[in-house]
N, C-alpha and C. Protein backbone atom coordinates (compact mmCIF):
# COMPACT_ATOMS: atom_id res chain seq x y z
N MET A 1 69.04 -5.63 6.98
CA MET A 1 69.62 -6.51 5.73
C MET A 1 70.56 -5.99 5.23
N ARG A 2 71.19 -7.72 5.71
CA ARG A 2 72.76 -7.04 4.87
C ARG A 2 73.00 -8.50 4.11
N GLY A 3 73.53 -8.53 2.92
CA GLY A 3 74.18 -9.69 1.95
C GLY A 3 75.64 -9.40 0.91
N ARG A 4 74.86 -9.79 -0.25
CA ARG A 4 76.42 -9.95 -0.48
C ARG A 4 76.64 -9.14 -2.12
N ALA A 5 77.24 -8.52 -2.22
CA ALA A 5 77.40 -7.24 -3.72
C ALA A 5 77.63 -8.67 -4.62
N PRO A 6 76.53 -8.16 -5.61
CA PRO A 6 76.13 -9.05 -6.78
C PRO A 6 77.44 -8.90 -7.43
N GLY A 7 77.73 -10.27 -8.51
CA GLY A 7 78.72 -10.42 -9.13
C GLY A 7 80.08 -10.17 -7.67
N GLY A 8 80.48 -10.50 -7.11
CA GLY A 8 81.77 -10.16 -5.84
C GLY A 8 80.86 -10.71 -4.70
N GLY A 9 82.04 -11.22 -3.43
CA GLY A 9 81.97 -11.68 -2.59
C GLY A 9 82.39 -10.58 -0.88
N ALA A 10 81.84 -9.24 -1.46
CA ALA A 10 82.17 -8.58 -0.07
C ALA A 10 80.81 -8.28 0.20
N PRO A 11 81.20 -7.68 1.70
CA PRO A 11 80.05 -7.66 1.93
C PRO A 11 79.36 -6.79 1.89
N ALA A 12 77.65 -6.55 1.84
CA ALA A 12 77.04 -4.95 1.37
C ALA A 12 75.41 -5.33 1.93
N GLY A 13 75.54 -3.79 2.43
CA GLY A 13 74.17 -2.87 3.10
C GLY A 13 73.19 -2.22 2.02
N PRO A 14 71.95 -1.91 2.73
CA PRO A 14 71.43 -0.96 1.77
C PRO A 14 71.55 0.10 2.69
N VAL A 15 71.76 0.92 1.54
CA VAL A 15 71.98 2.80 2.58
C VAL A 15 70.59 3.44 1.01
N GLU A 16 69.85 4.63 1.80
CA GLU A 16 69.34 5.06 1.27
C GLU A 16 69.97 6.27 0.36
N ILE A 17 70.08 6.47 -0.48
CA ILE A 17 71.05 7.36 -1.80
C ILE A 17 70.31 8.56 -1.93
N THR A 18 70.37 9.58 -2.66
CA THR A 18 70.09 10.59 -3.12
C THR A 18 70.93 11.61 -4.75
N SER A 19 70.38 12.10 -4.49
CA SER A 19 71.47 12.37 -6.50
C SER A 19 73.17 13.03 -5.74
N GLU A 20 72.62 13.72 -4.64
CA GLU A 20 74.36 14.17 -3.92
C GLU A 20 74.99 12.96 -3.25
N SER A 21 74.48 11.47 -3.01
CA SER A 21 75.21 10.31 -2.11
C SER A 21 75.13 9.25 -3.05
N VAL A 22 74.42 8.98 -4.19
CA VAL A 22 75.09 7.97 -5.05
C VAL A 22 76.74 8.11 -5.61
N GLN A 23 76.73 6.74 -5.76
CA GLN A 23 78.51 6.69 -5.50
C GLN A 23 78.35 5.73 -7.03
N ARG A 24 79.46 5.26 -7.92
CA ARG A 24 79.57 4.44 -8.75
C ARG A 24 79.90 3.03 -7.70
N GLY A 25 79.46 2.21 -8.47
CA GLY A 25 79.59 0.68 -7.63
C GLY A 25 78.40 0.37 -7.21
N ASP A 26 77.29 1.64 -6.59
CA ASP A 26 75.53 1.28 -5.27
C ASP A 26 75.04 0.46 -7.25
N VAL A 27 74.54 -0.61 -6.38
CA VAL A 27 73.52 -1.10 -6.59
C VAL A 27 72.07 -0.87 -6.60
N ILE A 28 71.64 -0.74 -7.37
CA ILE A 28 69.90 -0.19 -7.39
C ILE A 28 69.16 -1.62 -7.55
N GLN A 29 67.57 -1.82 -7.28
CA GLN A 29 67.28 -2.84 -7.75
C GLN A 29 65.85 -1.99 -8.39
N ILE A 30 65.95 -2.37 -9.95
CA ILE A 30 64.96 -1.67 -10.96
C ILE A 30 64.21 -2.72 -11.94
N GLY A 31 62.89 -2.32 -11.65
CA GLY A 31 62.18 -3.68 -12.13
C GLY A 31 62.22 -4.83 -11.17
N GLY A 32 62.41 -5.20 -10.32
CA GLY A 32 63.22 -6.02 -10.25
C GLY A 32 64.35 -6.88 -10.20
N ARG A 33 65.52 -5.92 -11.34
CA ARG A 33 66.57 -6.53 -11.32
C ARG A 33 67.43 -5.69 -10.70
N PRO A 34 68.85 -6.01 -10.05
CA PRO A 34 69.64 -5.15 -9.64
C PRO A 34 70.37 -4.84 -10.98
N CYS A 35 70.64 -3.45 -10.38
CA CYS A 35 71.84 -2.50 -11.66
C CYS A 35 72.55 -1.67 -11.06
N ARG A 36 74.14 -2.06 -11.38
CA ARG A 36 75.32 -1.45 -10.98
C ARG A 36 75.61 -0.28 -11.52
N VAL A 37 75.65 1.24 -10.80
CA VAL A 37 75.16 2.15 -11.68
C VAL A 37 77.18 2.03 -11.67
N ILE A 38 78.15 2.67 -13.25
CA ILE A 38 79.30 2.84 -13.51
C ILE A 38 79.56 3.70 -13.75
N ASP A 39 78.80 4.43 -13.63
CA ASP A 39 79.51 6.11 -14.24
C ASP A 39 78.42 7.01 -13.56
N LEU A 40 78.66 8.26 -13.68
CA LEU A 40 77.70 9.34 -13.58
C LEU A 40 77.97 10.68 -13.52
N LEU A 41 76.41 11.55 -14.20
CA LEU A 41 76.94 13.24 -14.61
C LEU A 41 76.12 13.87 -14.26
N GLN A 42 76.53 14.71 -13.36
CA GLN A 42 76.02 15.94 -13.00
C GLN A 42 75.21 16.82 -14.23
N LEU A 43 73.70 16.73 -13.79
CA LEU A 43 73.26 17.86 -14.66
C LEU A 43 72.61 19.13 -13.80
N PRO A 44 71.66 19.93 -14.62
CA PRO A 44 71.07 21.43 -13.87
C PRO A 44 70.08 21.11 -12.73
N GLY A 45 70.58 21.49 -12.15
CA GLY A 45 69.30 21.29 -10.90
C GLY A 45 69.91 20.73 -9.89
N GLY A 46 70.80 19.94 -9.36
CA GLY A 46 70.51 18.94 -8.92
C GLY A 46 70.74 17.63 -9.02
N ALA A 47 70.43 17.57 -9.94
CA ALA A 47 70.18 15.59 -10.67
C ALA A 47 71.53 15.29 -11.34
N LYS A 48 71.29 13.80 -11.27
CA LYS A 48 72.58 13.31 -11.93
C LYS A 48 72.14 12.20 -12.91
N ARG A 49 72.39 11.77 -14.24
CA ARG A 49 72.27 11.32 -14.40
C ARG A 49 73.07 9.60 -14.10
N LEU A 50 72.43 8.52 -14.37
CA LEU A 50 73.68 7.33 -13.64
C LEU A 50 73.70 6.81 -14.73
N TRP A 51 74.56 5.98 -15.36
CA TRP A 51 74.89 4.50 -15.93
C TRP A 51 74.86 3.68 -15.55
N PHE A 52 74.43 2.59 -16.05
CA PHE A 52 74.61 1.45 -15.44
C PHE A 52 75.31 0.23 -16.39
N GLU A 53 75.91 -1.15 -15.78
CA GLU A 53 76.56 -1.47 -16.55
C GLU A 53 75.26 -2.30 -17.56
N SER A 54 74.70 -2.59 -17.48
CA SER A 54 73.50 -3.19 -18.72
C SER A 54 73.63 -2.43 -19.84
N GLY A 55 74.11 -0.41 -19.75
CA GLY A 55 74.44 0.41 -20.55
C GLY A 55 72.54 0.97 -20.25
N GLU A 56 71.80 0.35 -19.75
CA GLU A 56 70.77 1.36 -19.25
C GLU A 56 70.98 3.06 -18.23
N LEU A 57 70.15 4.13 -18.70
CA LEU A 57 70.44 5.25 -17.78
C LEU A 57 69.42 5.32 -17.41
N LEU A 58 69.70 6.11 -16.32
CA LEU A 58 68.53 6.69 -15.46
C LEU A 58 68.81 8.05 -14.97
N THR A 59 67.48 9.00 -14.68
CA THR A 59 68.03 9.98 -14.34
C THR A 59 67.57 10.24 -12.91
N MET A 60 68.35 10.95 -11.85
CA MET A 60 67.45 10.98 -10.43
C MET A 60 67.43 12.06 -10.61
N HIS A 61 66.78 12.64 -10.01
CA HIS A 61 66.28 14.53 -9.44
C HIS A 61 66.72 14.86 -8.43
N SER A 62 67.09 15.59 -7.61
CA SER A 62 67.77 16.40 -6.91
C SER A 62 66.68 15.59 -5.68
N ARG A 63 65.16 15.65 -5.40
CA ARG A 63 64.39 14.89 -4.35
C ARG A 63 64.21 13.82 -4.68
N THR A 64 64.79 12.83 -5.98
CA THR A 64 64.65 11.34 -5.68
C THR A 64 65.48 10.70 -4.12
N ARG A 65 64.55 9.97 -3.94
CA ARG A 65 65.48 9.24 -2.88
C ARG A 65 64.92 7.71 -3.46
N LEU A 66 65.85 6.98 -2.92
CA LEU A 66 66.11 5.52 -3.31
C LEU A 66 66.72 4.13 -2.29
N VAL A 67 66.58 2.62 -2.80
CA VAL A 67 67.54 2.62 -1.24
C VAL A 67 68.28 1.32 -2.55
N ALA A 68 69.53 1.49 -1.83
CA ALA A 68 70.48 0.93 -2.71
C ALA A 68 71.74 0.08 -2.19
N LEU A 69 71.90 -1.15 -2.59
CA LEU A 69 72.99 -2.29 -2.09
C LEU A 69 74.50 -0.97 -2.17
N ARG A 70 75.84 -1.23 -1.10
CA ARG A 70 76.59 -0.35 -1.17
C ARG A 70 77.70 -1.24 -0.22
N VAL A 71 78.22 -1.46 -1.24
CA VAL A 71 79.92 -2.59 -0.39
C VAL A 71 80.01 -1.80 0.38
N LEU A 72 80.20 -2.05 1.90
CA LEU A 72 80.72 -1.49 2.76
C LEU A 72 81.85 -1.92 3.36
N ARG A 73 83.05 -1.09 3.95
CA ARG A 73 84.28 -0.92 3.85
C ARG A 73 84.46 -0.95 4.76
N ARG A 74 86.18 -1.84 5.35
CA ARG A 74 86.10 -1.43 6.66
C ARG A 74 87.34 -0.87 7.25
N TRP A 75 87.37 -0.10 7.79
CA TRP A 75 88.64 0.80 8.04
C TRP A 75 90.00 -0.54 8.71
């Protein structure tokens, strides 16, 4: 499944993310609403705190697995 990143025109595709692989710009659907990651903070035990454009926060623990929409970059 491929689509367009919310708010942009670049092609995007789904990727499985963990606290180690999450990146700024990833779009995670939470409660049916797409939320774009704008900042990350490393926490003890391999967890990360994610900040979204909306101002909301989410803590991903080291074993959390989510699917995110990520802009596909072509070389």
